[in-house]
PDB file of all heavy atoms in Angstrom:
ATOM      1  N   VAL A   1     -43.105-119.829 -88.343  1.00  0.00           N
ATOM      2  CA  VAL A   1     -43.007-120.915 -89.311  1.00  0.00           C
ATOM      3  C   VAL A   1     -44.030-120.672 -90.409  1.00  0.00           C
ATOM      4  O   VAL A   1     -45.241-120.554 -90.141  1.00  0.00           O
ATOM      5  CB  VAL A   1     -43.244-122.281 -88.643  1.00  0.00           C
ATOM      6  CG1 VAL A   1     -43.170-123.406 -89.675  1.00  0.00           C
ATOM      7  CG2 VAL A   1     -42.222-122.493 -87.527  1.00  0.00           C
ATOM      8  N   GLY A   2     -43.563-120.598 -91.647  1.00  0.00           N
ATOM      9  CA  GLY A   2     -44.400-120.224 -92.766  1.00  0.00           C
ATOM     10  C   GLY A   2     -45.539-121.187 -93.030  1.00  0.00           C
ATOM     11  O   GLY A   2     -45.524-122.341 -92.576  1.00  0.00           O
ATOM     12  N   PRO A   3     -46.560-120.722 -93.752  1.00  0.00           N
ATOM     13  CA  PRO A   3     -47.708-121.574 -94.081  1.00  0.00           C
ATOM     14  C   PRO A   3     -47.262-122.850 -94.787  1.00  0.00           C
ATOM     15  O   PRO A   3     -46.337-122.840 -95.608  1.00  0.00           O
ATOM     16  CB  PRO A   3     -48.546-120.688 -95.008  1.00  0.00           C
ATOM     17  CG  PRO A   3     -48.121-119.291 -94.703  1.00  0.00           C
ATOM     18  CD  PRO A   3     -46.677-119.375 -94.323  1.00  0.00           C
ATOM     19  N   ASP A   4     -47.939-123.953 -94.448  1.00  0.00           N
ATOM     20  CA  ASP A   4     -47.584-125.253 -95.009  1.00  0.00           C
ATOM     21  C   ASP A   4     -48.864-126.060 -95.188  1.00  0.00           C
ATOM     22  O   ASP A   4     -49.466-126.497 -94.202  1.00  0.00           O
ATOM     23  CB  ASP A   4     -46.606-125.982 -94.082  1.00  0.00           C
ATOM     24  CG  ASP A   4     -46.192-127.342 -94.618  1.00  0.00           C
ATOM     25  OD1 ASP A   4     -46.421-127.593 -95.814  1.00  0.00           O
ATOM     26  OD2 ASP A   4     -45.651-128.151 -93.838  1.00  0.00           O
ATOM     27  N   GLY A   5     -49.267-126.274 -96.428  1.00  0.00           N
ATOM     28  CA  GLY A   5     -50.482-127.032 -96.683  1.00  0.00           C
ATOM     29  C   GLY A   5     -51.687-126.344 -96.077  1.00  0.00           C
ATOM     30  O   GLY A   5     -52.006-125.198 -96.397  1.00  0.00           O
ATOM     31  N   ASP A   6     -52.367-127.057 -95.193  1.00  0.00           N
ATOM     32  CA  ASP A   6     -53.556-126.512 -94.539  1.00  0.00           C
ATOM     33  C   ASP A   6     -53.221-125.667 -93.318  1.00  0.00           C
ATOM     34  O   ASP A   6     -54.133-125.115 -92.682  1.00  0.00           O
ATOM     35  CB  ASP A   6     -54.498-127.649 -94.121  1.00  0.00           C
ATOM     36  CG  ASP A   6     -55.047-128.418 -95.316  1.00  0.00           C
ATOM     37  OD1 ASP A   6     -55.159-127.809 -96.388  1.00  0.00           O
ATOM     38  OD2 ASP A   6     -55.347-129.620 -95.157  1.00  0.00           O
ATOM     39  N   HIS A   7     -51.937-125.578 -92.967  1.00  0.00           N
ATOM     40  CA  HIS A   7     -51.534-124.847 -91.766  1.00  0.00           C
ATOM     41  C   HIS A   7     -51.191-123.400 -92.113  1.00  0.00           C
ATOM     42  O   HIS A   7     -50.347-123.153 -92.974  1.00  0.00           O
ATOM     43  CB  HIS A   7     -50.331-125.506 -91.098  1.00  0.00           C
ATOM     44  CG  HIS A   7     -50.588-126.905 -90.623  1.00  0.00           C
ATOM     45  ND1 HIS A   7     -51.339-127.180 -89.512  1.00  0.00           N
ATOM     46  CD2 HIS A   7     -50.190-128.102 -91.118  1.00  0.00           C
ATOM     47  CE1 HIS A   7     -51.400-128.481 -89.320  1.00  0.00           C
ATOM     48  NE2 HIS A   7     -50.706-129.071 -90.286  1.00  0.00           N
ATOM     49  N   PRO A   8     -51.825-122.431 -91.452  1.00  0.00           N
ATOM     50  CA  PRO A   8     -51.388-121.034 -91.617  1.00  0.00           C
ATOM     51  C   PRO A   8     -50.059-120.832 -90.906  1.00  0.00           C
ATOM     52  O   PRO A   8     -49.515-121.748 -90.280  1.00  0.00           O
ATOM     53  CB  PRO A   8     -52.513-120.253 -90.940  1.00  0.00           C
ATOM     54  CG  PRO A   8     -53.040-121.189 -89.899  1.00  0.00           C
ATOM     55  CD  PRO A   8     -52.919-122.573 -90.499  1.00  0.00           C
ATOM     56  N   LEU A   9     -49.520-119.632 -90.994  1.00  0.00           N
ATOM     57  CA  LEU A   9     -48.266-119.339 -90.303  1.00  0.00           C
ATOM     58  C   LEU A   9     -48.441-119.574 -88.806  1.00  0.00           C
ATOM     59  O   LEU A   9     -49.414-119.137 -88.206  1.00  0.00           O
ATOM     60  CB  LEU A   9     -47.823-117.906 -90.569  1.00  0.00           C
ATOM     61  CG  LEU A   9     -46.460-117.508 -89.993  1.00  0.00           C
ATOM     62  CD1 LEU A   9     -45.702-116.623 -90.977  1.00  0.00           C
ATOM     63  CD2 LEU A   9     -46.615-116.783 -88.664  1.00  0.00           C
ATOM     64  N   ARG A  10     -47.491-120.289 -88.222  1.00  0.00           N
ATOM     65  CA  ARG A  10     -47.498-120.586 -86.793  1.00  0.00           C
ATOM     66  C   ARG A  10     -46.382-119.819 -86.097  1.00  0.00           C
ATOM     67  O   ARG A  10     -45.348-119.526 -86.698  1.00  0.00           O
ATOM     68  CB  ARG A  10     -47.324-122.090 -86.568  1.00  0.00           C
ATOM     69  CG  ARG A  10     -48.538-122.933 -86.968  1.00  0.00           C
ATOM     70  CD  ARG A  10     -48.155-124.372 -87.232  1.00  0.00           C
ATOM     71  NE  ARG A  10     -47.369-124.484 -88.468  1.00  0.00           N
ATOM     72  CZ  ARG A  10     -46.662-125.554 -88.805  1.00  0.00           C
ATOM     73  NH1 ARG A  10     -46.597-126.590 -87.986  1.00  0.00           N
ATOM     74  NH2 ARG A  10     -45.992-125.587 -89.943  1.00  0.00           N
ATOM     75  N   VAL A  11     -46.582-119.522 -84.815  1.00  0.00           N
ATOM     76  CA  VAL A  11     -45.612-118.761 -84.030  1.00  0.00           C
ATOM     77  C   VAL A  11     -45.238-119.566 -82.783  1.00  0.00           C
ATOM     78  O   VAL A  11     -46.120-120.037 -82.051  1.00  0.00           O
ATOM     79  CB  VAL A  11     -46.162-117.390 -83.613  1.00  0.00           C
ATOM     80  CG1 VAL A  11     -45.110-116.610 -82.808  1.00  0.00           C
ATOM     81  CG2 VAL A  11     -46.585-116.582 -84.840  1.00  0.00           C
ATOM     82  N   TYR A  12     -43.936-119.718 -82.555  1.00  0.00           N
ATOM     83  CA  TYR A  12     -43.424-120.423 -81.380  1.00  0.00           C
ATOM     84  C   TYR A  12     -42.574-119.446 -80.572  1.00  0.00           C
ATOM     85  O   TYR A  12     -42.015-118.482 -81.107  1.00  0.00           O
ATOM     86  CB  TYR A  12     -42.586-121.637 -81.791  1.00  0.00           C
ATOM     87  CG  TYR A  12     -43.355-122.691 -82.530  1.00  0.00           C
ATOM     88  CD1 TYR A  12     -43.540-122.594 -83.910  1.00  0.00           C
ATOM     89  CD2 TYR A  12     -43.908-123.790 -81.874  1.00  0.00           C
ATOM     90  CE1 TYR A  12     -44.259-123.562 -84.609  1.00  0.00           C
ATOM     91  CE2 TYR A  12     -44.626-124.761 -82.557  1.00  0.00           C
ATOM     92  CZ  TYR A  12     -44.797-124.640 -83.922  1.00  0.00           C
ATOM     93  OH  TYR A  12     -45.511-125.582 -84.612  1.00  0.00           O
ATOM     94  N   TYR A  13     -42.476-119.722 -79.266  1.00  0.00           N
ATOM     95  CA  TYR A  13     -41.767-118.792 -78.377  1.00  0.00           C
ATOM     96  C   TYR A  13     -40.902-119.546 -77.385  1.00  0.00           C
ATOM     97  O   TYR A  13     -41.299-120.603 -76.860  1.00  0.00           O
ATOM     98  CB  TYR A  13     -42.782-117.946 -77.596  1.00  0.00           C
ATOM     99  CG  TYR A  13     -42.179-117.119 -76.473  1.00  0.00           C
ATOM    100  CD1 TYR A  13     -41.494-115.949 -76.737  1.00  0.00           C
ATOM    101  CD2 TYR A  13     -42.299-117.528 -75.142  1.00  0.00           C
ATOM    102  CE1 TYR A  13     -40.942-115.193 -75.702  1.00  0.00           C
ATOM    103  CE2 TYR A  13     -41.765-116.778 -74.106  1.00  0.00           C
ATOM    104  CZ  TYR A  13     -41.075-115.616 -74.393  1.00  0.00           C
ATOM    105  OH  TYR A  13     -40.537-114.874 -73.386  1.00  0.00           O
ATOM    106  N   ASN A  14     -39.695-119.041 -77.138  1.00  0.00           N
ATOM    107  CA  ASN A  14     -38.888-119.473 -75.999  1.00  0.00           C
ATOM    108  C   ASN A  14     -38.036-118.297 -75.530  1.00  0.00           C
ATOM    109  O   ASN A  14     -37.835-117.312 -76.264  1.00  0.00           O
ATOM    110  CB  ASN A  14     -38.012-120.692 -76.326  1.00  0.00           C
ATOM    111  CG  ASN A  14     -36.984-120.439 -77.407  1.00  0.00           C
ATOM    112  OD1 ASN A  14     -37.342-120.257 -78.587  1.00  0.00           O
ATOM    113  ND2 ASN A  14     -35.713-120.453 -77.044  1.00  0.00           N
ATOM    114  N   SER A  15     -37.571-118.375 -74.287  1.00  0.00           N
ATOM    115  CA  SER A  15     -36.787-117.279 -73.718  1.00  0.00           C
ATOM    116  C   SER A  15     -35.818-117.826 -72.684  1.00  0.00           C
ATOM    117  O   SER A  15     -35.981-118.942 -72.185  1.00  0.00           O
ATOM    118  CB  SER A  15     -37.711-116.232 -73.076  1.00  0.00           C
ATOM    119  OG  SER A  15     -38.458-116.799 -72.019  1.00  0.00           O
ATOM    120  N   ARG A  16     -34.834-117.013 -72.357  1.00  0.00           N
ATOM    121  CA  ARG A  16     -33.844-117.452 -71.372  1.00  0.00           C
ATOM    122  C   ARG A  16     -33.105-116.249 -70.804  1.00  0.00           C
ATOM    123  O   ARG A  16     -32.728-115.320 -71.542  1.00  0.00           O
ATOM    124  CB  ARG A  16     -32.827-118.414 -72.007  1.00  0.00           C
ATOM    125  CG  ARG A  16     -31.907-119.081 -70.985  1.00  0.00           C
ATOM    126  CD  ARG A  16     -30.891-119.988 -71.664  1.00  0.00           C
ATOM    127  NE  ARG A  16     -30.089-120.694 -70.687  1.00  0.00           N
ATOM    128  CZ  ARG A  16     -30.348-121.906 -70.219  1.00  0.00           C
ATOM    129  NH1 ARG A  16     -31.391-122.568 -70.676  1.00  0.00           N
ATOM    130  NH2 ARG A  16     -29.561-122.465 -69.326  1.00  0.00           N
ATOM    131  N   PHE A  17     -32.907-116.261 -69.490  1.00  0.00           N
ATOM    132  CA  PHE A  17     -31.991-115.302 -68.871  1.00  0.00           C
ATOM    133  C   PHE A  17     -30.563-115.704 -69.241  1.00  0.00           C
ATOM    134  O   PHE A  17     -30.220-116.887 -69.229  1.00  0.00           O
ATOM    135  CB  PHE A  17     -32.155-115.287 -67.353  1.00  0.00           C
ATOM    136  CG  PHE A  17     -33.319-114.473 -66.878  1.00  0.00           C
ATOM    137  CD1 PHE A  17     -34.570-115.054 -66.705  1.00  0.00           C
ATOM    138  CD2 PHE A  17     -33.174-113.123 -66.608  1.00  0.00           C
ATOM    139  CE1 PHE A  17     -35.655-114.312 -66.277  1.00  0.00           C
ATOM    140  CE2 PHE A  17     -34.260-112.361 -66.174  1.00  0.00           C
ATOM    141  CZ  PHE A  17     -35.500-112.953 -66.007  1.00  0.00           C
ATOM    142  N   SER A  18     -29.751-114.720 -69.544  1.00  0.00           N
ATOM    143  CA  SER A  18     -28.345-114.997 -69.858  1.00  0.00           C
ATOM    144  C   SER A  18     -27.424-114.568 -68.729  1.00  0.00           C
ATOM    145  O   SER A  18     -26.220-114.416 -68.914  1.00  0.00           O
ATOM    146  CB  SER A  18     -27.946-114.270 -71.146  1.00  0.00           C
ATOM    147  OG  SER A  18     -28.039-112.862 -70.979  1.00  0.00           O
ATOM    148  N   THR A  19     -28.004-114.381 -67.531  1.00  0.00           N
ATOM    149  CA  THR A  19     -27.254-113.845 -66.388  1.00  0.00           C
ATOM    150  C   THR A  19     -27.430-114.708 -65.142  1.00  0.00           C
ATOM    151  O   THR A  19     -27.394-114.206 -64.015  1.00  0.00           O
ATOM    152  CB  THR A  19     -27.729-112.412 -66.090  1.00  0.00           C
ATOM    153  OG1 THR A  19     -29.170-112.405 -66.026  1.00  0.00           O
ATOM    154  CG2 THR A  19     -27.262-111.431 -67.152  1.00  0.00           C
ATOM    155  N   ASP A  20     -27.607-116.015 -65.315  1.00  0.00           N
ATOM    156  CA  ASP A  20     -27.888-116.885 -64.169  1.00  0.00           C
ATOM    157  C   ASP A  20     -26.801-116.820 -63.108  1.00  0.00           C
ATOM    158  O   ASP A  20     -27.079-116.757 -61.906  1.00  0.00           O
ATOM    159  CB  ASP A  20     -28.062-118.331 -64.640  1.00  0.00           C
ATOM    160  CG  ASP A  20     -29.359-118.539 -65.404  1.00  0.00           C
ATOM    161  OD1 ASP A  20     -30.204-117.630 -65.381  1.00  0.00           O
ATOM    162  OD2 ASP A  20     -29.521-119.599 -66.025  1.00  0.00           O
ATOM    163  N   LEU A  21     -25.536-116.852 -63.535  1.00  0.00           N
ATOM    164  CA  LEU A  21     -24.437-116.844 -62.561  1.00  0.00           C
ATOM    165  C   LEU A  21     -24.335-115.499 -61.853  1.00  0.00           C
ATOM    166  O   LEU A  21     -24.070-115.439 -60.647  1.00  0.00           O
ATOM    167  CB  LEU A  21     -23.114-117.190 -63.251  1.00  0.00           C
ATOM    168  CG  LEU A  21     -21.901-117.333 -62.332  1.00  0.00           C
ATOM    169  CD1 LEU A  21     -22.165-118.347 -61.217  1.00  0.00           C
ATOM    170  CD2 LEU A  21     -20.657-117.738 -63.137  1.00  0.00           C
ATOM    171  N   LEU A  22     -24.555-114.413 -62.582  1.00  0.00           N
ATOM    172  CA  LEU A  22     -24.543-113.086 -61.967  1.00  0.00           C
ATOM    173  C   LEU A  22     -25.634-112.982 -60.900  1.00  0.00           C
ATOM    174  O   LEU A  22     -25.395-112.462 -59.802  1.00  0.00           O
ATOM    175  CB  LEU A  22     -24.746-112.016 -63.038  1.00  0.00           C
ATOM    176  CG  LEU A  22     -24.847-110.570 -62.551  1.00  0.00           C
ATOM    177  CD1 LEU A  22     -23.585-110.141 -61.829  1.00  0.00           C
ATOM    178  CD2 LEU A  22     -25.153-109.636 -63.719  1.00  0.00           C
ATOM    179  N   ILE A  23     -26.827-113.478 -61.205  1.00  0.00           N
ATOM    180  CA  ILE A  23     -27.923-113.460 -60.231  1.00  0.00           C
ATOM    181  C   ILE A  23     -27.565-114.315 -59.020  1.00  0.00           C
ATOM    182  O   ILE A  23     -27.812-113.922 -57.863  1.00  0.00           O
ATOM    183  CB  ILE A  23     -29.224-113.939 -60.895  1.00  0.00           C
ATOM    184  CG1 ILE A  23     -29.666-112.939 -61.973  1.00  0.00           C
ATOM    185  CG2 ILE A  23     -30.321-114.136 -59.857  1.00  0.00           C
ATOM    186  CD1 ILE A  23     -30.824-113.416 -62.816  1.00  0.00           C
ATOM    187  N   GLU A  24     -26.957-115.480 -59.264  1.00  0.00           N
ATOM    188  CA  GLU A  24     -26.584-116.364 -58.163  1.00  0.00           C
ATOM    189  C   GLU A  24     -25.491-115.732 -57.300  1.00  0.00           C
ATOM    190  O   GLU A  24     -25.516-115.832 -56.063  1.00  0.00           O
ATOM    191  CB  GLU A  24     -26.120-117.713 -58.711  1.00  0.00           C
ATOM    192  CG  GLU A  24     -25.691-118.729 -57.665  1.00  0.00           C
ATOM    193  CD  GLU A  24     -26.815-119.146 -56.729  1.00  0.00           C
ATOM    194  OE1 GLU A  24     -27.995-118.811 -57.008  1.00  0.00           O
ATOM    195  OE2 GLU A  24     -26.528-119.805 -55.710  1.00  0.00           O
ATOM    196  N   GLN A  25     -24.530-115.067 -57.909  1.00  0.00           N
ATOM    197  CA  GLN A  25     -23.479-114.381 -57.145  1.00  0.00           C
ATOM    198  C   GLN A  25     -24.084-113.285 -56.264  1.00  0.00           C
ATOM    199  O   GLN A  25     -23.681-113.110 -55.109  1.00  0.00           O
ATOM    200  CB  GLN A  25     -22.450-113.786 -58.106  1.00  0.00           C
ATOM    201  CG  GLN A  25     -21.590-114.817 -58.817  1.00  0.00           C
ATOM    202  CD  GLN A  25     -20.717-114.197 -59.900  1.00  0.00           C
ATOM    203  OE1 GLN A  25     -20.949-113.067 -60.327  1.00  0.00           O
ATOM    204  NE2 GLN A  25     -19.723-114.950 -60.354  1.00  0.00           N
ATOM    205  N   THR A  26     -25.053-112.573 -56.807  1.00  0.00           N
ATOM    206  CA  THR A  26     -25.715-111.528 -56.030  1.00  0.00           C
ATOM    207  C   THR A  26     -26.517-112.136 -54.879  1.00  0.00           C
ATOM    208  O   THR A  26     -26.529-111.606 -53.756  1.00  0.00           O
ATOM    209  CB  THR A  26     -26.636-110.698 -56.941  1.00  0.00           C
ATOM    210  OG1 THR A  26     -25.878-110.161 -58.029  1.00  0.00           O
ATOM    211  CG2 THR A  26     -27.281-109.559 -56.177  1.00  0.00           C
ATOM    212  N   ARG A  27     -27.183-113.245 -55.158  1.00  0.00           N
ATOM    213  CA  ARG A  27     -27.979-113.911 -54.114  1.00  0.00           C
ATOM    214  C   ARG A  27     -27.094-114.357 -52.962  1.00  0.00           C
ATOM    215  O   ARG A  27     -27.453-114.193 -51.787  1.00  0.00           O
ATOM    216  CB  ARG A  27     -28.694-115.123 -54.721  1.00  0.00           C
ATOM    217  CG  ARG A  27     -29.680-115.790 -53.771  1.00  0.00           C
ATOM    218  CD  ARG A  27     -30.264-117.056 -54.372  1.00  0.00           C
ATOM    219  NE  ARG A  27     -29.263-118.113 -54.447  1.00  0.00           N
ATOM    220  CZ  ARG A  27     -28.949-118.916 -53.423  1.00  0.00           C
ATOM    221  NH1 ARG A  27     -29.531-118.761 -52.241  1.00  0.00           N
ATOM    222  NH2 ARG A  27     -28.029-119.854 -53.562  1.00  0.00           N
ATOM    223  N   LYS A  28     -25.920-114.896 -53.236  1.00  0.00           N
ATOM    224  CA  LYS A  28     -25.040-115.391 -52.186  1.00  0.00           C
ATOM    225  C   LYS A  28     -24.309-114.264 -51.459  1.00  0.00           C
ATOM    226  O   LYS A  28     -24.149-114.300 -50.237  1.00  0.00           O
ATOM    227  CB  LYS A  28     -24.030-116.370 -52.775  1.00  0.00           C
ATOM    228  CG  LYS A  28     -24.638-117.703 -53.186  1.00  0.00           C
ATOM    229  CD  LYS A  28     -23.559-118.658 -53.670  1.00  0.00           C
ATOM    230  CE  LYS A  28     -24.147-120.035 -53.967  1.00  0.00           C
ATOM    231  NZ  LYS A  28     -23.106-120.995 -54.425  1.00  0.00           N
TER     232      LYS A  28
END
């Protein structure tokens, strides 16, 4: 997120597995 007023550039993070069902099928 670009600089805004007194705030320098900020960085946010999120992630996700896209194989939940495949992992569950393997587990079972």
